[in-house]
C-alpha atoms as a PDB file:
ATOM      1  CA  ARG A   1     -17.631  23.416  44.155  1.00  0.00           C
ATOM      2  CA  GLY A   2     -20.681  24.912  45.875  1.00  0.00           C
ATOM      3  CA  SER A   3     -23.792  24.415  43.765  1.00  0.00           C
ATOM      4  CA  PHE A   4     -21.693  23.163  40.829  1.00  0.00           C
ATOM      5  CA  ASN A   5     -20.263  20.039  42.440  1.00  0.00           C
ATOM      6  CA  LYS A   6     -21.570  17.180  40.273  1.00  0.00           C
ATOM      7  CA  GLY A   7     -19.629  17.686  37.046  1.00  0.00           C
ATOM      8  CA  ARG A   8     -22.545  19.163  35.122  1.00  0.00           C
ATOM      9  CA  THR A   9     -20.409  22.069  33.887  1.00  0.00           C
ATOM     10  CA  GLY A  10     -18.323  19.509  32.002  1.00  0.00           C
ATOM     11  CA  THR A  11     -21.471  17.891  30.607  1.00  0.00           C
ATOM     12  CA  HIS A  12     -22.749  21.305  29.495  1.00  0.00           C
ATOM     13  CA  GLU A  13     -19.488  22.330  27.785  1.00  0.00           C
ATOM     14  CA  VAL A  14     -18.993  19.014  26.011  1.00  0.00           C
ATOM     15  CA  ALA A  15     -22.543  19.355  24.667  1.00  0.00           C
ATOM     16  CA  HIS A  16     -21.548  22.755  23.218  1.00  0.00           C
ATOM     17  CA  TRP A  17     -18.569  21.010  21.572  1.00  0.00           C
ATOM     18  CA  LEU A  18     -21.074  18.558  20.118  1.00  0.00           C
ATOM     19  CA  GLY A  19     -23.178  21.295  18.543  1.00  0.00           C
ATOM     20  CA  LEU A  20     -25.820  22.196  21.135  1.00  0.00           C
ATOM     21  CA  LYS A  21     -26.785  25.771  21.915  1.00  0.00           C
ATOM     22  CA  HIS A  22     -28.069  27.038  25.231  1.00  0.00           C
ATOM     23  CA  ILE A  23     -31.719  26.082  25.562  1.00  0.00           C
ATOM     24  CA  TRP A  24     -32.902  29.704  25.163  1.00  0.00           C
ATOM     25  CA  GLY A  25     -31.122  29.909  21.787  1.00  0.00           C
ATOM     26  CA  GLU A  26     -28.715  32.696  22.826  1.00  0.00           C
ATOM     27  CA  ASP A  27     -31.502  35.277  22.588  1.00  0.00           C
ATOM     28  CA  ASP A  28     -34.706  36.248  24.389  1.00  0.00           C
ATOM     29  CA  CYS A  29     -37.227  33.592  23.365  1.00  0.00           C
ATOM     30  CA  GLY A  30     -34.626  32.295  20.930  1.00  0.00           C
ATOM     31  CA  ASP A  31     -34.517  28.969  19.139  1.00  0.00           C
ATOM     32  CA  ASP A  32     -31.828  26.385  19.856  1.00  0.00           C
ATOM     33  CA  GLY A  33     -32.675  24.493  16.664  1.00  0.00           C
ATOM     34  CA  VAL A  34     -33.918  21.371  18.474  1.00  0.00           C
ATOM     35  CA  PHE A  35     -37.553  20.390  17.947  1.00  0.00           C
ATOM     36  CA  ASP A  36     -38.340  18.998  21.400  1.00  0.00           C
ATOM     37  CA  THR A  37     -36.925  21.748  23.633  1.00  0.00           C
ATOM     38  CA  PRO A  38     -39.516  24.424  24.490  1.00  0.00           C
ATOM     39  CA  LYS A  39     -38.795  28.101  23.960  1.00  0.00           C
ATOM     40  CA  GLN A  40     -37.877  30.042  27.062  1.00  0.00           C
ATOM     41  CA  LYS A  41     -37.173  33.725  27.610  1.00  0.00           C
ATOM     42  CA  SER A  42     -33.651  33.388  29.010  1.00  0.00           C
ATOM     43  CA  TYR A  43     -31.446  31.301  31.306  1.00  0.00           C
ATOM     44  CA  ASN A  44     -32.318  30.088  34.808  1.00  0.00           C
ATOM     45  CA  PHE A  45     -30.083  30.136  37.873  1.00  0.00           C
ATOM     46  CA  GLY A  46     -30.409  28.197  41.109  1.00  0.00           C
ATOM     47  CA  CYS A  47     -33.079  25.519  41.208  1.00  0.00           C
ATOM     48  CA  PRO A  48     -36.488  26.896  40.131  1.00  0.00           C
ATOM     49  CA  ALA A  49     -39.791  25.454  41.307  1.00  0.00           C
ATOM     50  CA  PHE A  50     -41.912  23.673  38.707  1.00  0.00           C
ATOM     51  CA  PRO A  51     -43.465  25.101  36.628  1.00  0.00           C
ATOM     52  CA  SER A  52     -41.145  28.029  35.848  1.00  0.00           C
ATOM     53  CA  LEU A  53     -43.183  30.086  33.392  1.00  0.00           C
ATOM     54  CA  SER A  54     -42.178  33.016  31.210  1.00  0.00           C
ATOM     55  CA  SER A  55     -43.770  35.069  28.455  1.00  0.00           C
ATOM     56  CA  CYS A  56     -42.342  32.589  25.918  1.00  0.00           C
ATOM     57  CA  SER A  57     -43.619  29.390  27.546  1.00  0.00           C
ATOM     58  CA  PRO A  58     -45.502  27.333  24.930  1.00  0.00           C
ATOM     59  CA  ASP A  59     -47.542  25.456  27.546  1.00  0.00           C
ATOM     60  CA  ALA A  60     -48.150  25.031  31.275  1.00  0.00           C
ATOM     61  CA  ASN A  61     -44.900  23.079  31.750  1.00  0.00           C
ATOM     62  CA  GLY A  62     -42.847  26.258  31.340  1.00  0.00           C
ATOM     63  CA  ASP A  63     -39.051  26.252  31.077  1.00  0.00           C
ATOM     64  CA  MET A  64     -37.057  23.028  30.774  1.00  0.00           C
ATOM     65  CA  TYR A  65     -34.722  24.274  33.519  1.00  0.00           C
ATOM     66  CA  MET A  66     -33.666  20.710  34.328  1.00  0.00           C
ATOM     67  CA  ASN A  67     -31.957  20.457  30.923  1.00  0.00           C
ATOM     68  CA  PHE A  68     -28.160  20.321  30.865  1.00  0.00           C
ATOM     69  CA  MET A  69     -28.147  23.308  28.480  1.00  0.00           C
ATOM     70  CA  ASP A  70     -29.686  25.744  30.977  1.00  0.00           C
ATOM     71  CA  LEU A  71     -27.550  27.331  33.734  1.00  0.00           C
ATOM     72  CA  THR A  72     -29.186  25.902  36.848  1.00  0.00           C
ATOM     73  CA  ASP A  73     -27.428  24.275  39.814  1.00  0.00           C
ATOM     74  CA  ASP A  74     -25.902  20.851  39.180  1.00  0.00           C
ATOM     75  CA  ALA A  75     -28.473  19.185  41.430  1.00  0.00           C
ATOM     76  CA  CYS A  76     -31.249  20.463  39.145  1.00  0.00           C
ATOM     77  CA  MET A  77     -29.700  19.368  35.836  1.00  0.00           C
ATOM     78  CA  GLN A  78     -31.098  15.989  34.800  1.00  0.00           C
ATOM     79  CA  LEU A  79     -31.511  15.483  31.053  1.00  0.00           C
ATOM     80  CA  PHE A  80     -30.945  15.938  27.360  1.00  0.00           C
ATOM     81  CA  THR A  81     -33.956  15.507  25.083  1.00  0.00           C
ATOM     82  CA  ALA A  82     -34.101  12.939  22.276  1.00  0.00           C
ATOM     83  CA  GLY A  83     -33.629  15.746  19.760  1.00  0.00           C
ATOM     84  CA  GLN A  84     -30.537  17.026  21.556  1.00  0.00           C
ATOM     85  CA  LYS A  85     -29.127  13.498  21.707  1.00  0.00           C
ATOM     86  CA  ASN A  86     -29.612  12.977  17.994  1.00  0.00           C
ATOM     87  CA  LYS A  87     -28.097  16.363  17.172  1.00  0.00           C
ATOM     88  CA  MET A  88     -24.973  15.490  19.184  1.00  0.00           C
ATOM     89  CA  ARG A  89     -24.732  11.984  17.697  1.00  0.00           C
ATOM     90  CA  SER A  90     -25.018  13.430  14.198  1.00  0.00           C
ATOM     91  CA  LEU A  91     -21.536  14.939  14.596  1.00  0.00           C
ATOM     92  CA  PHE A  92     -20.111  11.401  14.596  1.00  0.00           C
ATOM     93  CA  ALA A  93     -21.860  10.392  11.355  1.00  0.00           C
ATOM     94  CA  LEU A  94     -19.937   9.759   8.139  1.00  0.00           C
ATOM     95  CA  GLY A  95     -18.411  13.007   6.880  1.00  0.00           C
ATOM     96  CA  ALA A  96     -19.367  14.934  10.021  1.00  0.00           C
ATOM     97  CA  PRO A  97     -16.829  16.925  12.094  1.00  0.00           C
ATOM     98  CA  ARG A  98     -16.346  14.413  14.940  1.00  0.00           C
ATOM     99  CA  ASN A  99     -16.390  11.220  12.860  1.00  0.00           C
ATOM    100  CA  GLY A 100     -12.606  10.995  12.986  1.00  0.00           C
ATOM    101  CA  ILE A 101     -12.739  10.274  16.733  1.00  0.00           C
ATOM    102  CA  LEU A 102     -14.254   6.884  15.891  1.00  0.00           C
ATOM    103  CA  LEU A 103     -11.059   6.063  13.982  1.00  0.00           C
ATOM    104  CA  SER A 104      -8.978   6.376  17.150  1.00  0.00           C
ATOM    105  CA  TYR A 105      -7.069   3.178  17.964  1.00  0.00           C
ATOM    106  CA  GLN A 106      -8.697   3.395  21.414  1.00  0.00           C
ATOM    107  CA  CYS A 107     -12.123   2.951  19.796  1.00  0.00           C
ATOM    108  CA  ASP A 108     -13.682   0.229  17.711  1.00  0.00           C
ATOM    109  CA  SER A 109     -12.971   1.869  14.350  1.00  0.00           C
ATOM    110  CA  SER A 110     -15.570  -0.319  12.613  1.00  0.00           C
ATOM    111  CA  MET A 111     -18.126   2.247  13.806  1.00  0.00           C
ATOM    112  CA  ALA A 112     -16.593   4.854  11.495  1.00  0.00           C
ATOM    113  CA  THR A 113     -17.351   2.786   8.393  1.00  0.00           C
ATOM    114  CA  GLY A 114     -20.981   2.071   9.233  1.00  0.00           C
ATOM    115  CA  ALA A 115     -24.141   3.948   8.429  1.00  0.00           C
ATOM    116  CA  ALA A 116     -24.836   7.483   9.601  1.00  0.00           C
ATOM    117  CA  LEU A 117     -25.729   7.529  13.276  1.00  0.00           C
ATOM    118  CA  PRO A 118     -28.237  10.192  14.284  1.00  0.00           C
ATOM    119  CA  GLN A 119     -31.611   8.833  13.265  1.00  0.00           C
ATOM    120  CA  ASP A 120     -31.706   5.470  15.023  1.00  0.00           C
ATOM    121  CA  SER A 121     -34.352   6.369  17.594  1.00  0.00           C
ATOM    122  CA  MET A 122     -36.567   8.448  15.305  1.00  0.00           C
ATOM    123  CA  PRO A 123     -38.252   6.290  12.643  1.00  0.00           C
ATOM    124  CA  GLY A 124     -39.089   8.214   9.466  1.00  0.00           C
ATOM    125  CA  PRO A 125     -42.869   8.611   9.833  1.00  0.00           C
ATOM    126  CA  ALA A 126     -42.486   9.823  13.435  1.00  0.00           C
ATOM    127  CA  ARG A 127     -40.080  12.638  12.633  1.00  0.00           C
ATOM    128  CA  PRO A 128     -41.728  16.046  12.870  1.00  0.00           C
ATOM    129  CA  MET A 129     -41.189  18.660  10.184  1.00  0.00           C
ATOM    130  CA  LEU A 130     -38.704  21.138  11.630  1.00  0.00           C
ATOM    131  CA  VAL A 131     -38.735  24.688  10.271  1.00  0.00           C
ATOM    132  CA  ASN A 132     -37.182  27.882  11.625  1.00  0.00           C
ATOM    133  CA  ILE A 133     -38.373  31.357  10.589  1.00  0.00           C
ATOM    134  CA  TYR A 134     -36.700  34.687  11.455  1.00  0.00           C
ATOM    135  CA  PRO A 135     -36.827  37.560  12.108  1.00  0.00           C
ATOM    136  CA  ASN A 136     -40.353  37.765  13.439  1.00  0.00           C
ATOM    137  CA  PRO A 137     -41.620  40.531  13.371  1.00  0.00           C
ATOM    138  CA  ALA A 138     -40.195  41.080   9.870  1.00  0.00           C
ATOM    139  CA  ALA A 139     -39.927  44.285   7.869  1.00  0.00           C
ATOM    140  CA  ALA A 140     -38.773  43.247   4.396  1.00  0.00           C
ATOM    141  CA  GLU A 141     -37.311  39.721   4.466  1.00  0.00           C
ATOM    142  CA  LEU A 142     -38.404  36.541   6.234  1.00  0.00           C
ATOM    143  CA  HIS A 143     -35.903  33.687   6.343  1.00  0.00           C
ATOM    144  CA  VAL A 144     -37.215  30.120   6.235  1.00  0.00           C
ATOM    145  CA  ASP A 145     -34.674  27.432   7.150  1.00  0.00           C
ATOM    146  CA  ALA A 146     -35.010  23.667   7.437  1.00  0.00           C
ATOM    147  CA  GLY A 147     -34.303  22.096  10.833  1.00  0.00           C
ATOM    148  CA  GLU A 148     -32.591  18.745  11.357  1.00  0.00           C
ATOM    149  CA  PHE A 149     -33.948  15.745   9.413  1.00  0.00           C
ATOM    150  CA  THR A 150     -36.094  18.108   7.277  1.00  0.00           C
ATOM    151  CA  SER A 151     -35.885  19.029   3.603  1.00  0.00           C
ATOM    152  CA  LEU A 152     -37.766  22.029   2.246  1.00  0.00           C
ATOM    153  CA  THR A 153     -36.628  21.756  -1.370  1.00  0.00           C
ATOM    154  CA  GLY A 154     -39.659  21.607  -3.652  1.00  0.00           C
ATOM    155  CA  LYS A 155     -42.127  22.281  -0.857  1.00  0.00           C
ATOM    156  CA  THR A 156     -44.581  25.166  -0.748  1.00  0.00           C
ATOM    157  CA  ALA A 157     -44.802  28.149   1.593  1.00  0.00           C
ATOM    158  CA  THR A 158     -48.209  29.837   1.585  1.00  0.00           C
ATOM    159  CA  LEU A 159     -48.985  33.192   3.183  1.00  0.00           C
ATOM    160  CA  TYR A 160     -52.490  34.129   4.345  1.00  0.00           C
ATOM    161  CA  THR A 161     -53.996  37.139   6.042  1.00  0.00           C
ATOM    162  CA  ALA A 162     -55.216  36.664   9.613  1.00  0.00           C
ATOM    163  CA  ALA A 163     -58.720  36.374   8.115  1.00  0.00           C
ATOM    164  CA  GLY A 164     -57.632  33.430   5.939  1.00  0.00           C
ATOM    165  CA  ARG A 165     -57.322  35.167   2.559  1.00  0.00           C
ATOM    166  CA  LEU A 166     -54.516  33.788   0.375  1.00  0.00           C
ATOM    167  CA  VAL A 167     -51.835  36.420  -0.186  1.00  0.00           C
ATOM    168  CA  LYS A 168     -48.970  34.637  -1.895  1.00  0.00           C
ATOM    169  CA  THR A 169     -47.539  31.184  -2.617  1.00  0.00           C
ATOM    170  CA  PHE A 170     -43.795  30.526  -2.708  1.00  0.00           C
ATOM    171  CA  ILE A 171     -42.074  27.422  -4.091  1.00  0.00           C
ATOM    172  CA  LEU A 172     -39.021  26.693  -1.945  1.00  0.00           C
ATOM    173  CA  ARG A 173     -35.937  25.906  -4.040  1.00  0.00           C
ATOM    174  CA  SER A 174     -33.587  25.012  -1.182  1.00  0.00           C
ATOM    175  CA  ASP A 175     -33.445  24.395   2.575  1.00  0.00           C
ATOM    176  CA  LYS A 176     -32.627  28.067   3.210  1.00  0.00           C
ATOM    177  CA  GLU A 177     -34.968  30.529   1.560  1.00  0.00           C
ATOM    178  CA  VAL A 178     -35.788  34.237   1.854  1.00  0.00           C
ATOM    179  CA  LEU A 179     -39.399  35.373   1.423  1.00  0.00           C
ATOM    180  CA  TYR A 180     -39.724  39.022   0.428  1.00  0.00           C
ATOM    181  CA  LEU A 181     -42.522  40.745   2.346  1.00  0.00           C
ATOM    182  CA  GLN A 182     -41.722  44.397   1.651  1.00  0.00           C
ATOM    183  CA  PRO A 183     -44.729  45.141  -0.630  1.00  0.00           C
ATOM    184  CA  LEU A 184     -47.211  43.805   1.934  1.00  0.00           C
ATOM    185  CA  PRO A 185     -49.073  46.065   4.354  1.00  0.00           C
ATOM    186  CA  ALA A 186     -48.177  45.818   8.032  1.00  0.00           C
ATOM    187  CA  GLY A 187     -50.213  43.339  10.037  1.00  0.00           C
ATOM    188  CA  LEU A 188     -50.566  39.741  11.168  1.00  0.00           C
ATOM    189  CA  TYR A 189     -50.213  36.909   8.652  1.00  0.00           C
ATOM    190  CA  ILE A 190     -50.268  33.116   8.761  1.00  0.00           C
ATOM    191  CA  LEU A 191     -47.442  31.264   7.018  1.00  0.00           C
ATOM    192  CA  ARG A 192     -47.883  27.583   6.193  1.00  0.00           C
ATOM    193  CA  VAL A 193     -44.790  25.658   5.148  1.00  0.00           C
ATOM    194  CA  GLY A 194     -44.939  22.191   3.633  1.00  0.00           C
ATOM    195  CA  ASP A 195     -47.517  19.957   2.027  1.00  0.00           C
ATOM    196  CA  LYS A 196     -50.645  18.235   3.270  1.00  0.00           C
ATOM    197  CA  GLY A 197     -48.780  15.271   4.784  1.00  0.00           C
ATOM    198  CA  ALA A 198     -46.319  17.409   6.778  1.00  0.00           C
ATOM    199  CA  GLN A 199     -46.972  21.078   7.383  1.00  0.00           C
ATOM    200  CA  ARG A 200     -46.004  23.767   9.891  1.00  0.00           C
ATOM    201  CA  SER A 201     -47.938  26.967  10.551  1.00  0.00           C
ATOM    202  CA  PHE A 202     -46.547  30.221  11.945  1.00  0.00           C
ATOM    203  CA  LYS A 203     -47.960  33.584  12.931  1.00  0.00           C
ATOM    204  CA  VAL A 204     -45.875  36.245  11.193  1.00  0.00           C
ATOM    205  CA  VAL A 205     -45.974  39.940  12.073  1.00  0.00           C
ATOM    206  CA  LYS A 206     -45.124  42.265   9.178  1.00  0.00           C
ATOM    207  CA  ILE A 207     -43.939  45.682  10.352  1.00  0.00           C
END
């Protein structure tokens, strides 16, 4: 009906059922937990002109308004990313919430007894290290969580001042950790998570 006449609303809602968030992560400049979707400030309506830039845009390409998980007109919606695809497919893996659908007599149930599904198009060495930190700015606690296909257990998180002086080193004991920043003075810090082979860096504002 009107601008929503190509069935994309169904595509969008089924993707929610398969674990995807809106591309803006349900918050201004939020994180949808998928490594290859860029941050954007909020949702888009209509059919924006490329590039559609906001204060959160990580590069000159701006918002991925053509993604099925934005709110643009059906004619503008064109794609899921590889990361979104793998996140949705992971729900059909062994032990995952949607795996039982593969046991339906309408399906080839042999799929339900095979190997886990989601990593077929992302060979191990090519997978990026996915890490989420929040809140940022942080007052007392900074949460560090592993993204999909990433393990943080046993890895190191190192905090530096903006000038590069080492402040503190944390050994991560699980994939969800809390770093306590309360004793530190307010200011800008650099957090590095991981080891030499795979590492992510973040600017952290302590308030």
